[in-house]
Amino acid sequence: MAEPLLPYSPADLLERAIETLRARLLPQMTEAAEHEAALAAMRALAIAQAELASDPAIIGRESAEMEALLGAAFGGDARAARHALAAAIRARSLPSSGPTEVRLRDHLLKATANRLRLTNPKYMTRRKRRAESSY
């Protein structure tokens, strides 16, 4: 295995950036707009950090579920599959009763819980909803 170019992993770099924003830059932000921008940057970095730490197989399982629901292949492109699923839901082109409806509901619950776990882990912990995401 090749030696990394930097002495720190991407997760370590994100942690250092978040800590620098929190400890050094955020207290210097006196204007509300600057403070809000710094908080948004910290939040974006925290989400990227959570994405790096998450199980990479989750996206594959989520993509496979969407492909099965839509009857189409997206070559592992989860974003394209999400867009196609959203379009199908808006167009009401998926069956509204029976097993497809149950699979769709289950998929949406798992996908939403997974997204919340990445973007708002405190909410998921407070609500004790970790079990809803079984990816």
C-alpha atoms as a PDB file:
ATOM      1  CA  MET A   1       0.000   0.000   0.000  1.00  0.00           C
ATOM      2  CA  ALA A   2       1.292   3.430  -0.921  1.00  0.00           C
ATOM      3  CA  GLU A   3       2.228   5.884   1.783  1.00  0.00           C
ATOM      4  CA  PRO A   4      -0.278   8.748   2.066  1.00  0.00           C
ATOM      5  CA  LEU A   5       0.845  12.076   0.686  1.00  0.00           C
ATOM      6  CA  LEU A   6      -0.196  13.828   3.853  1.00  0.00           C
ATOM      7  CA  PRO A   7       0.469  12.714   7.407  1.00  0.00           C
ATOM      8  CA  TYR A   8      -3.264  12.936   8.183  1.00  0.00           C
ATOM      9  CA  SER A   9      -6.260  11.036   6.880  1.00  0.00           C
ATOM     10  CA  PRO A  10      -9.160  12.911   5.238  1.00  0.00           C
ATOM     11  CA  ALA A  11     -11.208  12.352   8.420  1.00  0.00           C
ATOM     12  CA  ASP A  12      -8.387  13.830  10.521  1.00  0.00           C
ATOM     13  CA  LEU A  13      -8.141  16.844   8.218  1.00  0.00           C
ATOM     14  CA  LEU A  14     -11.867  17.453   8.490  1.00  0.00           C
ATOM     15  CA  GLU A  15     -11.704  17.166  12.276  1.00  0.00           C
ATOM     16  CA  ARG A  16      -8.879  19.717  12.385  1.00  0.00           C
ATOM     17  CA  ALA A  17     -10.794  22.099  10.106  1.00  0.00           C
ATOM     18  CA  ILE A  18     -13.935  21.819  12.237  1.00  0.00           C
ATOM     19  CA  GLU A  19     -11.972  22.381  15.431  1.00  0.00           C
ATOM     20  CA  THR A  20     -10.169  25.392  13.935  1.00  0.00           C
ATOM     21  CA  LEU A  21     -13.478  26.915  12.871  1.00  0.00           C
ATOM     22  CA  ARG A  22     -15.030  26.228  16.259  1.00  0.00           C
ATOM     23  CA  ALA A  23     -12.167  27.329  18.504  1.00  0.00           C
ATOM     24  CA  ARG A  24     -10.429  30.070  16.567  1.00  0.00           C
ATOM     25  CA  LEU A  25     -12.567  31.511  13.809  1.00  0.00           C
ATOM     26  CA  LEU A  26     -16.128  31.311  15.126  1.00  0.00           C
ATOM     27  CA  PRO A  27     -15.395  33.436  18.224  1.00  0.00           C
ATOM     28  CA  GLN A  28     -13.948  36.129  15.920  1.00  0.00           C
ATOM     29  CA  MET A  29     -17.107  36.360  13.852  1.00  0.00           C
ATOM     30  CA  THR A  30     -18.923  39.351  15.301  1.00  0.00           C
ATOM     31  CA  GLU A  31     -21.439  39.991  12.547  1.00  0.00           C
ATOM     32  CA  ALA A  32     -24.449  37.693  12.415  1.00  0.00           C
ATOM     33  CA  ALA A  33     -23.961  36.900   8.716  1.00  0.00           C
ATOM     34  CA  GLU A  34     -20.323  35.912   9.277  1.00  0.00           C
ATOM     35  CA  HIS A  35     -21.270  33.801  12.285  1.00  0.00           C
ATOM     36  CA  GLU A  36     -24.006  32.002  10.328  1.00  0.00           C
ATOM     37  CA  ALA A  37     -21.629  31.390   7.410  1.00  0.00           C
ATOM     38  CA  ALA A  38     -19.045  29.877   9.759  1.00  0.00           C
ATOM     39  CA  LEU A  39     -21.708  27.641  11.331  1.00  0.00           C
ATOM     40  CA  ALA A  40     -22.838  26.511   7.873  1.00  0.00           C
ATOM     41  CA  ALA A  41     -19.243  25.699   6.931  1.00  0.00           C
ATOM     42  CA  MET A  42     -18.802  23.695  10.129  1.00  0.00           C
ATOM     43  CA  ARG A  43     -22.021  21.809   9.421  1.00  0.00           C
ATOM     44  CA  ALA A  44     -20.927  20.995   5.856  1.00  0.00           C
ATOM     45  CA  LEU A  45     -17.591  19.709   7.119  1.00  0.00           C
ATOM     46  CA  ALA A  46     -19.311  17.603   9.787  1.00  0.00           C
ATOM     47  CA  ILE A  47     -21.580  16.029   7.149  1.00  0.00           C
ATOM     48  CA  ALA A  48     -18.570  15.270   4.932  1.00  0.00           C
ATOM     49  CA  GLN A  49     -16.859  13.719   7.956  1.00  0.00           C
ATOM     50  CA  ALA A  50     -19.912  11.545   8.671  1.00  0.00           C
ATOM     51  CA  GLU A  51     -20.053  10.469   5.011  1.00  0.00           C
ATOM     52  CA  LEU A  52     -16.405   9.403   5.161  1.00  0.00           C
ATOM     53  CA  ALA A  53     -17.024   7.386   8.313  1.00  0.00           C
ATOM     54  CA  SER A  54     -20.203   5.711   7.047  1.00  0.00           C
ATOM     55  CA  ASP A  55     -20.355   2.227   5.605  1.00  0.00           C
ATOM     56  CA  PRO A  56     -19.739   2.477   1.829  1.00  0.00           C
ATOM     57  CA  ALA A  57     -22.007  -0.524   1.244  1.00  0.00           C
ATOM     58  CA  ILE A  58     -25.020   1.550   2.326  1.00  0.00           C
ATOM     59  CA  ILE A  59     -25.098   3.418  -0.980  1.00  0.00           C
ATOM     60  CA  GLY A  60     -24.923   0.154  -2.906  1.00  0.00           C
ATOM     61  CA  ARG A  61     -27.842  -1.326  -0.995  1.00  0.00           C
ATOM     62  CA  GLU A  62     -29.845   1.879  -1.347  1.00  0.00           C
ATOM     63  CA  SER A  63     -29.141   1.941  -5.106  1.00  0.00           C
ATOM     64  CA  ALA A  64     -30.156  -1.709  -5.471  1.00  0.00           C
ATOM     65  CA  GLU A  65     -33.464  -1.004  -3.730  1.00  0.00           C
ATOM     66  CA  MET A  66     -34.193   1.951  -5.996  1.00  0.00           C
ATOM     67  CA  GLU A  67     -33.278  -0.045  -9.107  1.00  0.00           C
ATOM     68  CA  ALA A  68     -35.657  -2.810  -7.995  1.00  0.00           C
ATOM     69  CA  LEU A  69     -38.449  -0.316  -7.339  1.00  0.00           C
ATOM     70  CA  LEU A  70     -37.989   1.409 -10.681  1.00  0.00           C
ATOM     71  CA  GLY A  71     -37.111  -1.633 -12.765  1.00  0.00           C
ATOM     72  CA  ALA A  72     -34.112   0.225 -14.188  1.00  0.00           C
ATOM     73  CA  ALA A  73     -30.340   0.065 -13.807  1.00  0.00           C
ATOM     74  CA  PHE A  74     -28.320   3.115 -12.830  1.00  0.00           C
ATOM     75  CA  GLY A  75     -24.856   1.547 -12.737  1.00  0.00           C
ATOM     76  CA  GLY A  76     -24.370   2.397  -9.071  1.00  0.00           C
ATOM     77  CA  ASP A  77     -25.177   6.080  -9.579  1.00  0.00           C
ATOM     78  CA  ALA A  78     -27.222   6.626  -6.414  1.00  0.00           C
ATOM     79  CA  ARG A  79     -27.837  10.282  -7.190  1.00  0.00           C
ATOM     80  CA  ALA A  80     -29.359   9.472 -10.587  1.00  0.00           C
ATOM     81  CA  ALA A  81     -31.450   6.726  -8.989  1.00  0.00           C
ATOM     82  CA  ARG A  82     -32.699   9.143  -6.298  1.00  0.00           C
ATOM     83  CA  HIS A  83     -33.675  11.683  -8.956  1.00  0.00           C
ATOM     84  CA  ALA A  84     -35.473   9.014 -10.997  1.00  0.00           C
ATOM     85  CA  LEU A  85     -37.301   7.727  -7.925  1.00  0.00           C
ATOM     86  CA  ALA A  86     -38.367  11.255  -6.972  1.00  0.00           C
ATOM     87  CA  ALA A  87     -39.613  11.843 -10.520  1.00  0.00           C
ATOM     88  CA  ALA A  88     -41.542   8.557 -10.458  1.00  0.00           C
ATOM     89  CA  ILE A  89     -43.147   9.486  -7.139  1.00  0.00           C
ATOM     90  CA  ARG A  90     -44.098  12.950  -8.430  1.00  0.00           C
ATOM     91  CA  ALA A  91     -45.527  11.430 -11.613  1.00  0.00           C
ATOM     92  CA  ARG A  92     -47.389   8.821  -9.538  1.00  0.00           C
ATOM     93  CA  SER A  93     -46.030   6.136 -11.842  1.00  0.00           C
ATOM     94  CA  LEU A  94     -45.392   3.604  -9.065  1.00  0.00           C
ATOM     95  CA  PRO A  95     -48.253   1.337  -7.933  1.00  0.00           C
ATOM     96  CA  SER A  96     -50.054   2.893  -4.973  1.00  0.00           C
ATOM     97  CA  SER A  97     -51.072  -0.383  -3.382  1.00  0.00           C
ATOM     98  CA  GLY A  98     -49.622  -3.797  -2.816  1.00  0.00           C
ATOM     99  CA  PRO A  99     -46.035  -4.924  -2.354  1.00  0.00           C
ATOM    100  CA  THR A 100     -44.465  -2.076  -4.339  1.00  0.00           C
ATOM    101  CA  GLU A 101     -46.064   0.482  -2.039  1.00  0.00           C
ATOM    102  CA  VAL A 102     -44.741  -1.360   1.023  1.00  0.00           C
ATOM    103  CA  ARG A 103     -41.238  -1.652  -0.483  1.00  0.00           C
ATOM    104  CA  LEU A 104     -41.289   2.036  -1.417  1.00  0.00           C
ATOM    105  CA  ARG A 105     -42.372   3.097   2.072  1.00  0.00           C
ATOM    106  CA  ASP A 106     -39.735   0.860   3.679  1.00  0.00           C
ATOM    107  CA  HIS A 107     -37.063   2.208   1.346  1.00  0.00           C
ATOM    108  CA  LEU A 108     -38.001   5.829   2.035  1.00  0.00           C
ATOM    109  CA  LEU A 109     -37.970   5.261   5.809  1.00  0.00           C
ATOM    110  CA  LYS A 110     -34.539   3.607   5.693  1.00  0.00           C
ATOM    111  CA  ALA A 111     -33.072   6.180   3.317  1.00  0.00           C
ATOM    112  CA  THR A 112     -34.418   9.083   5.364  1.00  0.00           C
ATOM    113  CA  ALA A 113     -33.142   7.598   8.627  1.00  0.00           C
ATOM    114  CA  ASN A 114     -29.737   7.070   7.032  1.00  0.00           C
ATOM    115  CA  ARG A 115     -29.617  10.666   5.767  1.00  0.00           C
ATOM    116  CA  LEU A 116     -30.661  11.970   9.185  1.00  0.00           C
ATOM    117  CA  ARG A 117     -27.988   9.843  10.831  1.00  0.00           C
ATOM    118  CA  LEU A 118     -25.406  11.589   8.641  1.00  0.00           C
ATOM    119  CA  THR A 119     -26.785  15.118   8.689  1.00  0.00           C
ATOM    120  CA  ASN A 120     -28.298  15.301  12.164  1.00  0.00           C
ATOM    121  CA  PRO A 121     -27.032  12.512  14.438  1.00  0.00           C
ATOM    122  CA  LYS A 122     -28.258  14.271  17.599  1.00  0.00           C
ATOM    123  CA  TYR A 123     -31.835  14.130  16.320  1.00  0.00           C
ATOM    124  CA  MET A 124     -31.549  10.430  15.577  1.00  0.00           C
ATOM    125  CA  THR A 125     -30.104   9.756  19.022  1.00  0.00           C
ATOM    126  CA  ARG A 126     -32.789  11.819  20.782  1.00  0.00           C
ATOM    127  CA  ARG A 127     -35.559  10.170  18.812  1.00  0.00           C
ATOM    128  CA  LYS A 128     -34.015   6.702  19.229  1.00  0.00           C
ATOM    129  CA  ARG A 129     -34.607   6.060  15.549  1.00  0.00           C
ATOM    130  CA  ARG A 130     -31.349   4.380  14.620  1.00  0.00           C
ATOM    131  CA  ALA A 131     -33.133   1.046  14.235  1.00  0.00           C
ATOM    132  CA  GLU A 132     -35.241   2.378  11.344  1.00  0.00           C
ATOM    133  CA  SER A 133     -32.222   2.427   9.074  1.00  0.00           C
ATOM    134  CA  SER A 134     -31.249  -1.139   8.332  1.00  0.00           C
ATOM    135  CA  TYR A 135     -29.024  -0.563   5.331  1.00  0.00           C
END
